[in-house]
Protein backbone atom coordinates (compact mmCIF):
# COMPACT_ATOMS: atom_id res chain seq x y z
CA UNK A 1 18.31 7.90 17.71
CA UNK A 2 19.23 8.47 21.29
CA UNK A 3 21.92 6.54 23.20
CA UNK A 4 20.44 3.38 24.63
CA UNK A 5 17.51 3.51 22.19
CA UNK A 6 16.15 0.00 21.80
CA UNK A 7 13.38 0.85 19.34
CA UNK A 8 12.61 -1.80 16.77
CA UNK A 9 12.90 -1.08 13.06
CA UNK A 10 10.68 -2.74 10.46
CA UNK A 11 11.98 -2.53 6.90
CA UNK A 12 13.55 0.91 6.91
CA UNK A 13 10.96 2.31 9.36
CA UNK A 14 11.94 3.45 12.84
CA UNK A 15 10.05 5.06 15.69
CA UNK A 16 10.85 8.55 14.39
CA UNK A 17 7.72 10.73 14.29
CA UNK A 18 8.71 12.88 11.30
CA UNK A 19 7.18 12.50 7.84
CA UNK A 20 9.79 10.64 5.80
CA UNK A 21 7.74 9.79 2.71
CA UNK A 22 8.99 12.78 0.70
CA UNK A 23 12.55 11.39 1.01
CA UNK A 24 11.72 8.17 -0.84
CA UNK A 25 12.91 7.84 -4.42
CA UNK A 26 9.40 6.70 -5.46
CA UNK A 27 7.72 9.74 -3.84
CA UNK A 28 5.30 11.60 -6.11
CA UNK A 29 5.63 15.32 -5.32
CA UNK A 30 2.25 15.84 -7.01
CA UNK A 31 0.34 13.71 -4.50
CA UNK A 32 -2.95 15.08 -3.22
CA UNK A 33 -3.55 14.96 0.50
CA UNK A 34 -6.80 15.38 2.38
CA UNK A 35 -7.93 14.79 5.93
CA UNK A 36 -8.25 16.29 9.37
CA UNK A 37 -4.70 15.34 10.43
CA UNK A 38 -5.63 13.76 13.74
CA UNK A 39 -3.72 10.76 12.40
CA UNK A 40 -0.96 11.26 9.83
CA UNK A 41 0.59 8.71 7.52
CA UNK A 42 4.30 9.49 7.87
CA UNK A 43 6.20 6.62 6.26
CA UNK A 44 5.88 3.37 4.34
CA UNK A 45 7.99 0.56 2.96
CA UNK A 46 7.22 -1.77 0.11
CA UNK A 47 9.14 -5.01 0.59
CA UNK A 48 9.26 -7.23 -2.48
CA UNK A 49 10.71 -10.72 -2.08
CA UNK A 50 12.74 -9.41 0.87
CA UNK A 51 14.06 -6.27 -0.90
CA UNK A 52 13.05 -2.97 0.69
CA UNK A 53 11.64 -0.35 -1.71
CA UNK A 54 12.95 -1.85 -4.98
CA UNK A 55 13.01 0.18 -8.19
CA UNK A 56 10.75 -2.41 -9.86
CA UNK A 57 8.19 -4.94 -8.64
CA UNK A 58 8.58 -8.27 -10.40
CA UNK A 59 5.49 -10.19 -11.45
CA UNK A 60 4.35 -12.93 -9.05
CA UNK A 61 6.50 -11.55 -6.23
CA UNK A 62 5.56 -11.65 -2.58
CA UNK A 63 4.85 -8.06 -1.54
CA UNK A 64 4.55 -6.55 1.90
CA UNK A 65 3.33 -3.00 2.38
CA UNK A 66 4.07 -1.50 5.79
CA UNK A 67 2.86 1.97 6.54
CA UNK A 68 3.30 4.01 9.64
CA UNK A 69 0.89 6.46 11.22
CA UNK A 70 1.35 9.08 13.92
CA UNK A 71 -1.65 9.64 16.17
CA UNK A 72 -1.91 13.34 17.02
CA UNK A 73 -4.95 12.63 19.21
CA UNK A 74 -5.97 9.58 21.22
CA UNK A 75 -8.37 7.56 19.06
CA UNK A 76 -9.77 4.05 19.29
CA UNK A 77 -11.59 3.47 16.01
CA UNK A 78 -9.31 4.08 13.01
CA UNK A 79 -9.50 2.14 9.75
CA UNK A 80 -6.71 2.01 7.14
CA UNK A 81 -6.68 1.34 3.41
CA UNK A 82 -4.63 1.43 0.25
CA UNK A 83 -5.15 1.41 -3.48
CA UNK A 84 -3.20 1.15 -6.70
CA UNK A 85 -4.17 3.28 -9.70
CA UNK A 86 -2.82 3.75 -13.21
CA UNK A 87 -1.02 7.02 -13.94
CA UNK A 88 -4.15 8.24 -15.73
CA UNK A 89 -6.31 7.53 -12.67
CA UNK A 90 -7.92 4.17 -13.42
CA UNK A 91 -8.54 2.30 -10.19
CA UNK A 92 -6.85 -1.13 -10.35
CA UNK A 93 -7.17 -2.40 -6.79
CA UNK A 94 -8.11 -1.13 -3.39
CA UNK A 95 -9.13 -2.38 0.00
CA UNK A 96 -9.38 -1.23 3.58
CA UNK A 97 -9.51 -2.72 7.05
CA UNK A 98 -13.24 -2.08 7.25
CA UNK A 99 -13.94 -4.22 4.15
CA UNK A 100 -11.51 -6.88 5.38
CA UNK A 101 -13.15 -6.98 8.83
CA UNK A 102 -9.81 -6.27 10.48
CA UNK A 103 -9.85 -4.78 13.95
CA UNK A 104 -9.63 -1.02 13.96
CA UNK A 105 -6.56 0.75 15.29
CA UNK A 106 -6.31 2.45 18.64
CA UNK A 107 -3.50 4.58 20.03
CA UNK A 108 -2.78 7.41 22.42
CA UNK A 109 -1.73 10.86 21.20
CA UNK A 110 1.94 10.93 20.19
CA UNK A 111 2.12 7.20 19.50
CA UNK A 112 3.02 5.62 16.15
CA UNK A 113 1.53 2.40 14.80
CA UNK A 114 2.52 0.46 11.69
CA UNK A 115 0.27 -1.82 9.66
CA UNK A 116 1.56 -4.63 7.48
CA UNK A 117 -0.39 -5.92 4.47
CA UNK A 118 0.83 -8.81 2.28
CA UNK A 119 -0.14 -9.94 -1.18
CA UNK A 120 1.16 -11.63 -4.32
CA UNK A 121 1.83 -9.25 -7.21
CA UNK A 122 -0.09 -10.33 -10.28
CA UNK A 123 -0.20 -6.92 -11.92
CA UNK A 124 0.88 -6.74 -15.53
CA UNK A 125 3.81 -4.48 -16.30
CA UNK A 126 3.29 -0.76 -16.12
CA UNK A 127 3.58 2.47 -14.19
CA UNK A 128 1.12 2.93 -11.33
CA UNK A 129 0.49 5.02 -8.23
CA UNK A 130 0.09 3.93 -4.63
CA UNK A 131 -2.43 5.69 -2.38
CA UNK A 132 -2.66 5.28 1.40
CA UNK A 133 -5.38 6.40 3.77
CA UNK A 134 -7.04 6.20 7.15
CA UNK A 135 -10.51 7.14 8.33
CA UNK A 136 -12.98 6.80 11.18
CA UNK A 137 -16.69 7.34 11.72
CA UNK A 138 -18.15 10.19 13.75
CA UNK A 139 -21.92 10.16 14.27
CA UNK A 140 -22.29 7.72 11.37
CA UNK A 141 -20.30 9.92 8.94
CA UNK A 142 -16.96 8.88 7.46
CA UNK A 143 -14.16 11.31 8.39
CA UNK A 144 -10.91 11.08 6.48
CA UNK A 145 -8.03 11.49 8.91
CA UNK A 146 -5.25 11.37 6.31
CA UNK A 147 -5.48 10.28 2.68
CA UNK A 148 -2.37 10.48 0.51
CA UNK A 149 -3.55 9.97 -3.06
CA UNK A 150 -0.88 8.98 -5.57
CA UNK A 151 1.78 9.31 -2.87
CA UNK A 152 4.25 6.98 -4.62
CA UNK A 153 5.10 5.97 -8.15
CA UNK A 154 5.40 2.20 -8.60
CA UNK A 155 7.00 0.40 -11.54
CA UNK A 156 5.78 -3.12 -12.21
CA UNK A 157 8.09 -5.32 -14.34
CA UNK A 158 7.20 -5.77 -17.99
CA UNK A 159 5.01 -8.76 -18.80
CA UNK A 160 5.44 -9.31 -22.55
CA UNK A 161 3.03 -12.27 -22.60
CA UNK A 162 0.05 -10.34 -21.21
CA UNK A 163 -1.86 -7.09 -21.67
CA UNK A 164 -4.16 -5.15 -19.39
CA UNK A 165 -3.84 -4.88 -15.63
CA UNK A 166 -3.41 -8.47 -14.43
CA UNK A 167 -1.09 -11.33 -15.34
CA UNK A 168 -3.28 -14.42 -14.92
CA UNK A 169 -0.37 -16.87 -15.32
CA UNK A 170 -2.15 -18.31 -18.36
CA UNK A 171 -1.26 -21.89 -19.33
CA UNK A 172 -2.20 -23.23 -22.74
CA UNK A 173 -2.77 -26.65 -24.23
CA UNK A 174 -3.62 -27.73 -27.78
CA UNK A 175 -6.13 -30.56 -27.93
CA UNK A 176 -6.31 -32.74 -31.03
CA UNK A 177 -9.99 -33.28 -31.75
CA UNK A 178 -9.59 -35.39 -34.89
CA UNK A 179 -11.74 -38.49 -34.74
CA UNK A 180 -13.50 -37.38 -31.56
CA UNK A 181 -17.07 -36.26 -31.29
CA UNK A 182 -17.84 -33.10 -29.44
């Protein structure tokens, strides 16, 4: 930071243009990264019920994912996305701004933008990976600008009352059918 710097921070993100992801405790050093690099994903925060980058994500928590991108070229048509996969590669969830009909991102070279996505965590307990990406179309072809597959290791709190990938918040009721016709 420079004296008199009035830049706004979101979560633990600042306007720094250096890649900070590798400094996170959840960083997966075995991530795979592809893309042309005209936009680079350089940081992210996962905010769970107000806590920034917790060790564990509790079931049914409010989650906010904020990720920051540095535009190395001026572009006006960038889409973003993220996914969550199991440690053995099974795709659990994924979406992108194109599917969600969100406006695409535009920025001049050297500028950083952050995107915030919010959801409720209904994943059953387990170890998973977070992947982040951005792309655009050139002459009708999808061009990956930066895709960071399995960039972070996420721990979701144990859910002893459910198996699989999702905790459906199951409620049960026993109905006495004696003397009633079905």
